[in-house]
Amino acid sequence: MSVQGLTRLEVWKRAKDFALRIYRDVLPLLPPEEKWNLNSQIRRSSLSISANIAEGYGRFYYQDNVRFCYIARGSLEETLSHLVFSFEANYIPETLYKELSTEGDEIDRMLNDYIAYLKRSKQGANEPGSAHAIHELSESYITESSEES
């Protein structure tokens, strides 16, 4: 697989452009005292989105690709969390925060669609060694606490 193939992947392009926007529009607004904290964290998480999509794309088995897309989705959520903090700490203006949040939501949707496509297509599912790939088990969990009266 080559970079040319990767550049045809729309979700990767959007994630890369999202990181560039973070670098160009957000990082210069952060105060100097955040250089080793928030600045470093948001740099790494924003770059990790497209990097994990690329790493998954380079894997042969769809399960590996899906796993890296899950990691990319986690990095996206981490980046969005840093943006919430940056906005609430008055480091970035509301207009920028809203634009980046909207872009993040679109990338999240695209990632979910790409994951669904990978699961349907199961590329590499019948190749030697594919039975040894990682399989995801579904677990139920509670997202809100429930109190009994």
N, C-alpha and C. Protein backbone atom coordinates (compact mmCIF):
# COMPACT_ATOMS: atom_id res chain seq x y z
N MET A 1 0.85 -1.17 0.00
CA MET A 1 0.00 0.00 0.00
C MET A 1 0.90 1.24 0.00
N SER A 2 0.41 2.28 -0.58
CA SER A 2 1.22 3.48 -0.73
C SER A 2 0.47 4.69 -0.21
N VAL A 3 1.23 5.78 -0.13
CA VAL A 3 0.60 7.04 0.28
C VAL A 3 -0.47 7.45 -0.73
N GLN A 4 -0.24 7.12 -2.01
CA GLN A 4 -1.25 7.45 -3.01
C GLN A 4 -2.58 6.79 -2.69
N GLY A 5 -2.54 5.53 -2.25
CA GLY A 5 -3.77 4.85 -1.88
C GLY A 5 -4.41 5.50 -0.66
N LEU A 6 -3.58 5.85 0.30
CA LEU A 6 -4.09 6.47 1.52
C LEU A 6 -4.74 7.82 1.25
N THR A 7 -4.18 8.58 0.33
CA THR A 7 -4.73 9.91 0.05
C THR A 7 -6.11 9.85 -0.61
N ARG A 8 -6.50 8.68 -1.07
CA ARG A 8 -7.86 8.52 -1.61
C ARG A 8 -8.88 8.26 -0.50
N LEU A 9 -8.40 8.02 0.71
CA LEU A 9 -9.28 7.72 1.84
C LEU A 9 -9.74 9.04 2.47
N GLU A 10 -11.00 9.37 2.24
CA GLU A 10 -11.54 10.68 2.64
C GLU A 10 -11.43 10.91 4.15
N VAL A 11 -11.68 9.90 4.96
CA VAL A 11 -11.63 10.08 6.41
C VAL A 11 -10.21 10.41 6.86
N TRP A 12 -9.21 9.82 6.22
CA TRP A 12 -7.82 10.14 6.55
C TRP A 12 -7.51 11.60 6.20
N LYS A 13 -7.95 12.05 5.01
CA LYS A 13 -7.71 13.43 4.59
C LYS A 13 -8.35 14.42 5.56
N ARG A 14 -9.58 14.12 5.97
CA ARG A 14 -10.28 15.03 6.90
C ARG A 14 -9.59 15.06 8.26
N ALA A 15 -9.13 13.89 8.73
CA ALA A 15 -8.43 13.83 10.02
C ALA A 15 -7.10 14.58 9.95
N LYS A 16 -6.39 14.45 8.86
CA LYS A 16 -5.12 15.16 8.67
C LYS A 16 -5.36 16.66 8.65
N ASP A 17 -6.37 17.10 7.91
CA ASP A 17 -6.69 18.52 7.84
C ASP A 17 -7.15 19.06 9.20
N PHE A 18 -7.84 18.23 9.97
CA PHE A 18 -8.27 18.61 11.32
C PHE A 18 -7.04 18.88 12.19
N ALA A 19 -6.04 18.00 12.12
CA ALA A 19 -4.81 18.20 12.89
C ALA A 19 -4.09 19.46 12.44
N LEU A 20 -4.05 19.70 11.13
CA LEU A 20 -3.42 20.93 10.64
C LEU A 20 -4.13 22.16 11.17
N ARG A 21 -5.43 22.10 11.24
CA ARG A 21 -6.21 23.23 11.77
C ARG A 21 -5.92 23.44 13.25
N ILE A 22 -5.78 22.35 13.99
CA ILE A 22 -5.42 22.46 15.41
C ILE A 22 -4.06 23.16 15.53
N TYR A 23 -3.10 22.71 14.72
CA TYR A 23 -1.76 23.30 14.76
C TYR A 23 -1.77 24.78 14.39
N ARG A 24 -2.52 25.12 13.36
CA ARG A 24 -2.51 26.51 12.86
C ARG A 24 -3.37 27.46 13.68
N ASP A 25 -4.55 26.98 14.13
CA ASP A 25 -5.52 27.88 14.73
C ASP A 25 -5.63 27.81 16.24
N VAL A 26 -5.33 26.65 16.83
CA VAL A 26 -5.50 26.49 18.27
C VAL A 26 -4.19 26.68 19.03
N LEU A 27 -3.15 25.97 18.62
CA LEU A 27 -1.90 26.00 19.38
C LEU A 27 -1.33 27.40 19.58
N PRO A 28 -1.37 28.29 18.57
CA PRO A 28 -0.84 29.64 18.80
C PRO A 28 -1.63 30.44 19.85
N LEU A 29 -2.86 30.03 20.12
CA LEU A 29 -3.69 30.75 21.10
C LEU A 29 -3.46 30.30 22.54
N LEU A 30 -2.83 29.14 22.70
CA LEU A 30 -2.62 28.62 24.05
C LEU A 30 -1.54 29.43 24.75
N PRO A 31 -1.70 29.68 26.04
CA PRO A 31 -0.70 30.47 26.77
C PRO A 31 0.62 29.71 26.92
N PRO A 32 1.72 30.44 27.09
CA PRO A 32 3.04 29.81 27.20
C PRO A 32 3.13 28.77 28.32
N GLU A 33 2.41 28.98 29.40
CA GLU A 33 2.48 28.02 30.51
C GLU A 33 1.86 26.67 30.17
N GLU A 34 1.14 26.59 29.05
CA GLU A 34 0.55 25.33 28.61
C GLU A 34 1.43 24.59 27.61
N LYS A 35 2.65 25.11 27.35
CA LYS A 35 3.53 24.52 26.34
C LYS A 35 3.79 23.04 26.60
N TRP A 36 4.00 22.63 27.82
CA TRP A 36 4.33 21.24 28.11
C TRP A 36 3.14 20.44 28.59
N ASN A 37 2.00 21.06 28.74
CA ASN A 37 0.81 20.35 29.20
C ASN A 37 -0.22 20.23 28.08
N LEU A 38 -1.16 21.15 28.06
CA LEU A 38 -2.25 21.08 27.09
C LEU A 38 -1.73 21.11 25.65
N ASN A 39 -0.78 21.98 25.38
CA ASN A 39 -0.24 22.09 24.03
C ASN A 39 0.30 20.74 23.55
N SER A 40 1.09 20.11 24.37
CA SER A 40 1.67 18.81 24.03
C SER A 40 0.60 17.74 23.86
N GLN A 41 -0.38 17.72 24.76
CA GLN A 41 -1.44 16.72 24.70
C GLN A 41 -2.29 16.85 23.44
N ILE A 42 -2.66 18.08 23.11
CA ILE A 42 -3.54 18.28 21.95
C ILE A 42 -2.78 18.04 20.65
N ARG A 43 -1.49 18.32 20.63
CA ARG A 43 -0.66 18.00 19.46
C ARG A 43 -0.69 16.49 19.20
N ARG A 44 -0.38 15.74 20.24
CA ARG A 44 -0.28 14.28 20.09
C ARG A 44 -1.63 13.66 19.74
N SER A 45 -2.70 14.07 20.44
CA SER A 45 -4.00 13.44 20.18
C SER A 45 -4.52 13.78 18.79
N SER A 46 -4.32 15.02 18.35
CA SER A 46 -4.84 15.40 17.02
C SER A 46 -4.06 14.70 15.90
N LEU A 47 -2.75 14.55 16.05
CA LEU A 47 -1.96 13.83 15.05
C LEU A 47 -2.25 12.34 15.06
N SER A 48 -2.61 11.82 16.21
CA SER A 48 -2.86 10.39 16.36
C SER A 48 -4.08 9.92 15.57
N ILE A 49 -5.01 10.80 15.31
CA ILE A 49 -6.22 10.42 14.58
C ILE A 49 -5.86 9.91 13.19
N SER A 50 -5.23 10.77 12.39
CA SER A 50 -4.87 10.36 11.02
C SER A 50 -3.78 9.30 11.02
N ALA A 51 -2.87 9.35 11.99
CA ALA A 51 -1.79 8.36 12.04
C ALA A 51 -2.34 6.95 12.28
N ASN A 52 -3.34 6.82 13.14
CA ASN A 52 -3.91 5.50 13.40
C ASN A 52 -4.77 5.02 12.23
N ILE A 53 -5.45 5.93 11.55
CA ILE A 53 -6.18 5.55 10.35
C ILE A 53 -5.19 5.01 9.32
N ALA A 54 -4.05 5.70 9.16
CA ALA A 54 -3.03 5.28 8.21
C ALA A 54 -2.43 3.93 8.61
N GLU A 55 -2.15 3.74 9.89
CA GLU A 55 -1.58 2.46 10.31
C GLU A 55 -2.55 1.32 10.07
N GLY A 56 -3.82 1.53 10.38
CA GLY A 56 -4.81 0.51 10.11
C GLY A 56 -4.95 0.22 8.63
N TYR A 57 -4.89 1.25 7.83
CA TYR A 57 -4.98 1.10 6.38
C TYR A 57 -3.85 0.23 5.86
N GLY A 58 -2.70 0.32 6.50
CA GLY A 58 -1.54 -0.46 6.08
C GLY A 58 -1.57 -1.90 6.54
N ARG A 59 -2.50 -2.24 7.40
CA ARG A 59 -2.62 -3.63 7.88
C ARG A 59 -3.41 -4.45 6.87
N PHE A 60 -3.12 -5.75 6.83
CA PHE A 60 -3.77 -6.58 5.83
C PHE A 60 -5.15 -7.05 6.28
N TYR A 61 -5.30 -7.44 7.52
CA TYR A 61 -6.55 -8.01 8.00
C TYR A 61 -7.50 -6.91 8.47
N TYR A 62 -8.74 -7.04 8.10
CA TYR A 62 -9.72 -6.01 8.45
C TYR A 62 -9.83 -5.81 9.94
N GLN A 63 -9.63 -6.88 10.74
CA GLN A 63 -9.74 -6.74 12.19
C GLN A 63 -8.68 -5.76 12.71
N ASP A 64 -7.48 -5.83 12.16
CA ASP A 64 -6.43 -4.90 12.55
C ASP A 64 -6.80 -3.48 12.15
N ASN A 65 -7.30 -3.32 10.93
CA ASN A 65 -7.70 -2.00 10.46
C ASN A 65 -8.80 -1.43 11.35
N VAL A 66 -9.79 -2.24 11.69
CA VAL A 66 -10.87 -1.80 12.56
C VAL A 66 -10.32 -1.38 13.93
N ARG A 67 -9.41 -2.18 14.47
CA ARG A 67 -8.83 -1.88 15.78
C ARG A 67 -8.13 -0.52 15.77
N PHE A 68 -7.37 -0.23 14.73
CA PHE A 68 -6.70 1.07 14.65
C PHE A 68 -7.69 2.20 14.43
N CYS A 69 -8.79 1.92 13.76
CA CYS A 69 -9.83 2.95 13.62
C CYS A 69 -10.48 3.25 14.98
N TYR A 70 -10.63 2.24 15.81
CA TYR A 70 -11.14 2.47 17.17
C TYR A 70 -10.17 3.35 17.95
N ILE A 71 -8.88 3.10 17.79
CA ILE A 71 -7.88 3.92 18.48
C ILE A 71 -7.95 5.36 17.95
N ALA A 72 -8.11 5.51 16.63
CA ALA A 72 -8.24 6.85 16.04
C ALA A 72 -9.46 7.57 16.60
N ARG A 73 -10.55 6.83 16.75
CA ARG A 73 -11.77 7.43 17.31
C ARG A 73 -11.54 7.88 18.75
N GLY A 74 -10.80 7.10 19.52
CA GLY A 74 -10.45 7.50 20.88
C GLY A 74 -9.60 8.76 20.89
N SER A 75 -8.65 8.85 19.96
CA SER A 75 -7.81 10.05 19.87
C SER A 75 -8.63 11.27 19.47
N LEU A 76 -9.62 11.06 18.62
CA LEU A 76 -10.52 12.16 18.25
C LEU A 76 -11.28 12.65 19.47
N GLU A 77 -11.82 11.73 20.26
CA GLU A 77 -12.55 12.12 21.46
C GLU A 77 -11.64 12.84 22.45
N GLU A 78 -10.40 12.38 22.55
CA GLU A 78 -9.44 13.05 23.44
C GLU A 78 -9.19 14.48 22.96
N THR A 79 -9.02 14.65 21.66
CA THR A 79 -8.80 15.98 21.09
C THR A 79 -10.00 16.88 21.36
N LEU A 80 -11.20 16.35 21.15
CA LEU A 80 -12.41 17.14 21.40
C LEU A 80 -12.51 17.52 22.88
N SER A 81 -12.10 16.65 23.76
CA SER A 81 -12.08 16.96 25.19
C SER A 81 -11.12 18.11 25.48
N HIS A 82 -9.95 18.09 24.84
CA HIS A 82 -8.98 19.19 25.01
C HIS A 82 -9.55 20.50 24.47
N LEU A 83 -10.32 20.42 23.40
CA LEU A 83 -10.94 21.63 22.84
C LEU A 83 -11.99 22.19 23.79
N VAL A 84 -12.77 21.31 24.42
CA VAL A 84 -13.75 21.77 25.41
C VAL A 84 -13.03 22.53 26.53
N PHE A 85 -11.96 21.93 27.04
CA PHE A 85 -11.20 22.58 28.10
C PHE A 85 -10.64 23.92 27.63
N SER A 86 -10.07 23.94 26.43
CA SER A 86 -9.49 25.17 25.89
C SER A 86 -10.52 26.28 25.77
N PHE A 87 -11.71 25.91 25.36
CA PHE A 87 -12.79 26.90 25.26
C PHE A 87 -13.21 27.37 26.65
N GLU A 88 -13.44 26.42 27.55
CA GLU A 88 -13.91 26.79 28.90
C GLU A 88 -12.85 27.57 29.69
N ALA A 89 -11.58 27.37 29.35
CA ALA A 89 -10.51 28.13 30.00
C ALA A 89 -10.27 29.47 29.30
N ASN A 90 -11.10 29.77 28.30
CA ASN A 90 -11.01 31.02 27.53
C ASN A 90 -9.71 31.14 26.74
N TYR A 91 -9.16 30.01 26.30
CA TYR A 91 -7.97 30.03 25.47
C TYR A 91 -8.33 30.19 24.00
N ILE A 92 -9.50 29.68 23.59
CA ILE A 92 -9.93 29.78 22.20
C ILE A 92 -11.32 30.39 22.15
N PRO A 93 -11.62 31.13 21.07
CA PRO A 93 -12.94 31.76 20.95
C PRO A 93 -14.03 30.74 20.65
N GLU A 94 -15.25 31.12 20.96
CA GLU A 94 -16.39 30.23 20.76
C GLU A 94 -16.57 29.83 19.30
N THR A 95 -16.35 30.75 18.37
CA THR A 95 -16.54 30.42 16.95
C THR A 95 -15.58 29.31 16.53
N LEU A 96 -14.32 29.40 16.93
CA LEU A 96 -13.35 28.37 16.60
C LEU A 96 -13.71 27.04 17.25
N TYR A 97 -14.11 27.10 18.51
CA TYR A 97 -14.52 25.90 19.24
C TYR A 97 -15.68 25.19 18.52
N LYS A 98 -16.69 25.96 18.12
CA LYS A 98 -17.86 25.38 17.46
C LYS A 98 -17.48 24.78 16.10
N GLU A 99 -16.64 25.48 15.34
CA GLU A 99 -16.22 24.97 14.04
C GLU A 99 -15.47 23.65 14.18
N LEU A 100 -14.54 23.60 15.13
CA LEU A 100 -13.75 22.38 15.32
C LEU A 100 -14.60 21.25 15.91
N SER A 101 -15.55 21.58 16.75
CA SER A 101 -16.45 20.56 17.29
C SER A 101 -17.29 19.94 16.18
N THR A 102 -17.79 20.78 15.30
CA THR A 102 -18.57 20.31 14.16
C THR A 102 -17.71 19.42 13.26
N GLU A 103 -16.49 19.87 12.99
CA GLU A 103 -15.57 19.08 12.16
C GLU A 103 -15.28 17.73 12.83
N GLY A 104 -15.07 17.75 14.14
CA GLY A 104 -14.83 16.51 14.88
C GLY A 104 -16.00 15.56 14.79
N ASP A 105 -17.21 16.10 14.90
CA ASP A 105 -18.41 15.26 14.78
C ASP A 105 -18.50 14.62 13.39
N GLU A 106 -18.14 15.38 12.36
CA GLU A 106 -18.17 14.84 11.00
C GLU A 106 -17.12 13.74 10.82
N ILE A 107 -15.94 13.95 11.38
CA ILE A 107 -14.90 12.93 11.29
C ILE A 107 -15.33 11.68 12.05
N ASP A 108 -15.97 11.86 13.19
CA ASP A 108 -16.47 10.73 13.97
C ASP A 108 -17.47 9.91 13.15
N ARG A 109 -18.38 10.59 12.48
CA ARG A 109 -19.36 9.91 11.62
C ARG A 109 -18.66 9.17 10.50
N MET A 110 -17.69 9.81 9.88
CA MET A 110 -16.95 9.18 8.79
C MET A 110 -16.18 7.95 9.28
N LEU A 111 -15.57 8.06 10.44
CA LEU A 111 -14.85 6.91 11.02
C LEU A 111 -15.81 5.75 11.28
N ASN A 112 -16.96 6.07 11.84
CA ASN A 112 -17.95 5.01 12.10
C ASN A 112 -18.41 4.35 10.80
N ASP A 113 -18.61 5.14 9.75
CA ASP A 113 -18.99 4.59 8.46
C ASP A 113 -17.88 3.72 7.89
N TYR A 114 -16.64 4.16 8.03
CA TYR A 114 -15.49 3.40 7.53
C TYR A 114 -15.36 2.08 8.29
N ILE A 115 -15.54 2.13 9.60
CA ILE A 115 -15.49 0.90 10.41
C ILE A 115 -16.58 -0.07 9.95
N ALA A 116 -17.78 0.43 9.74
CA ALA A 116 -18.88 -0.43 9.28
C ALA A 116 -18.54 -1.04 7.92
N TYR A 117 -17.96 -0.25 7.02
CA TYR A 117 -17.55 -0.77 5.71
C TYR A 117 -16.52 -1.88 5.87
N LEU A 118 -15.52 -1.65 6.72
CA LEU A 118 -14.47 -2.65 6.92
C LEU A 118 -15.05 -3.95 7.47
N LYS A 119 -15.98 -3.83 8.40
CA LYS A 119 -16.60 -5.03 8.98
C LYS A 119 -17.41 -5.79 7.94
N ARG A 120 -18.09 -5.06 7.06
CA ARG A 120 -18.88 -5.72 6.00
C ARG A 120 -17.98 -6.38 4.96
N SER A 121 -16.93 -5.70 4.56
CA SER A 121 -16.09 -6.20 3.47
C SER A 121 -15.14 -7.31 3.92
N LYS A 122 -14.73 -7.29 5.17
CA LYS A 122 -13.86 -8.33 5.76
C LYS A 122 -12.68 -8.65 4.86
N GLN A 123 -11.97 -7.63 4.41
CA GLN A 123 -10.79 -7.82 3.56
C GLN A 123 -9.73 -8.60 4.33
N GLY A 124 -9.22 -9.64 3.74
CA GLY A 124 -8.18 -10.46 4.37
C GLY A 124 -8.73 -11.50 5.32
N ALA A 125 -10.03 -11.69 5.38
CA ALA A 125 -10.64 -12.61 6.34
C ALA A 125 -10.29 -14.07 6.06
N ASN A 126 -10.05 -14.41 4.82
CA ASN A 126 -9.78 -15.81 4.47
C ASN A 126 -8.30 -16.09 4.20
N GLU A 127 -7.44 -15.17 4.54
CA GLU A 127 -6.01 -15.35 4.32
C GLU A 127 -5.39 -16.15 5.46
N PRO A 128 -4.27 -16.81 5.20
CA PRO A 128 -3.59 -17.56 6.27
C PRO A 128 -3.25 -16.63 7.44
N GLY A 129 -3.53 -17.09 8.62
CA GLY A 129 -3.24 -16.32 9.83
C GLY A 129 -4.37 -15.43 10.30
N SER A 130 -5.41 -15.28 9.50
CA SER A 130 -6.48 -14.37 9.90
C SER A 130 -7.25 -14.86 11.12
N ALA A 131 -7.26 -16.15 11.37
CA ALA A 131 -7.97 -16.68 12.54
C ALA A 131 -7.27 -16.28 13.84
N HIS A 132 -6.03 -15.81 13.74
CA HIS A 132 -5.27 -15.42 14.93
C HIS A 132 -5.38 -13.93 15.21
N ALA A 133 -6.23 -13.24 14.49
CA ALA A 133 -6.39 -11.81 14.69
C ALA A 133 -7.20 -11.55 15.96
N ILE A 134 -7.17 -10.32 16.39
CA ILE A 134 -7.90 -9.91 17.58
C ILE A 134 -9.39 -9.81 17.26
N HIS A 135 -10.21 -10.35 18.12
CA HIS A 135 -11.66 -10.28 17.94
C HIS A 135 -12.25 -9.50 19.11
N GLU A 136 -13.21 -8.66 18.81
CA GLU A 136 -13.82 -7.81 19.83
C GLU A 136 -15.02 -8.52 20.44
N LEU A 137 -15.08 -8.49 21.76
CA LEU A 137 -16.24 -9.02 22.47
C LEU A 137 -17.11 -7.86 22.91
N SER A 138 -18.39 -8.01 22.79
CA SER A 138 -19.31 -6.96 23.16
C SER A 138 -19.63 -7.07 24.64
N GLU A 139 -19.51 -5.97 25.34
CA GLU A 139 -19.83 -5.92 26.76
C GLU A 139 -20.87 -4.81 26.96
N SER A 140 -21.81 -5.07 27.86
CA SER A 140 -22.75 -4.00 28.18
C SER A 140 -22.17 -3.17 29.30
N TYR A 141 -22.52 -1.89 29.35
CA TYR A 141 -22.02 -1.02 30.39
C TYR A 141 -23.06 0.05 30.66
N ILE A 142 -22.93 0.68 31.79
CA ILE A 142 -23.88 1.69 32.23
C ILE A 142 -23.23 3.06 32.00
N THR A 143 -23.95 3.98 31.36
CA THR A 143 -23.40 5.30 31.12
C THR A 143 -23.94 6.34 32.10
N GLU A 144 -25.00 6.03 32.79
CA GLU A 144 -25.56 6.94 33.78
C GLU A 144 -25.83 6.16 35.06
N SER A 145 -25.66 6.83 36.18
CA SER A 145 -25.95 6.14 37.43
C SER A 145 -27.46 6.16 37.67
N SER A 146 -27.96 5.07 38.22
CA SER A 146 -29.38 5.02 38.52
C SER A 146 -29.53 4.89 40.03
N GLU A 147 -30.33 5.77 40.58
CA GLU A 147 -30.56 5.74 42.03
C GLU A 147 -31.95 5.24 42.29
N GLU A 148 -32.05 4.34 43.26
CA GLU A 148 -33.37 3.83 43.63
C GLU A 148 -33.96 4.74 44.69
N SER A 149 -35.24 5.00 44.59
CA SER A 149 -35.90 5.89 45.56
C SER A 149 -36.32 5.15 46.79
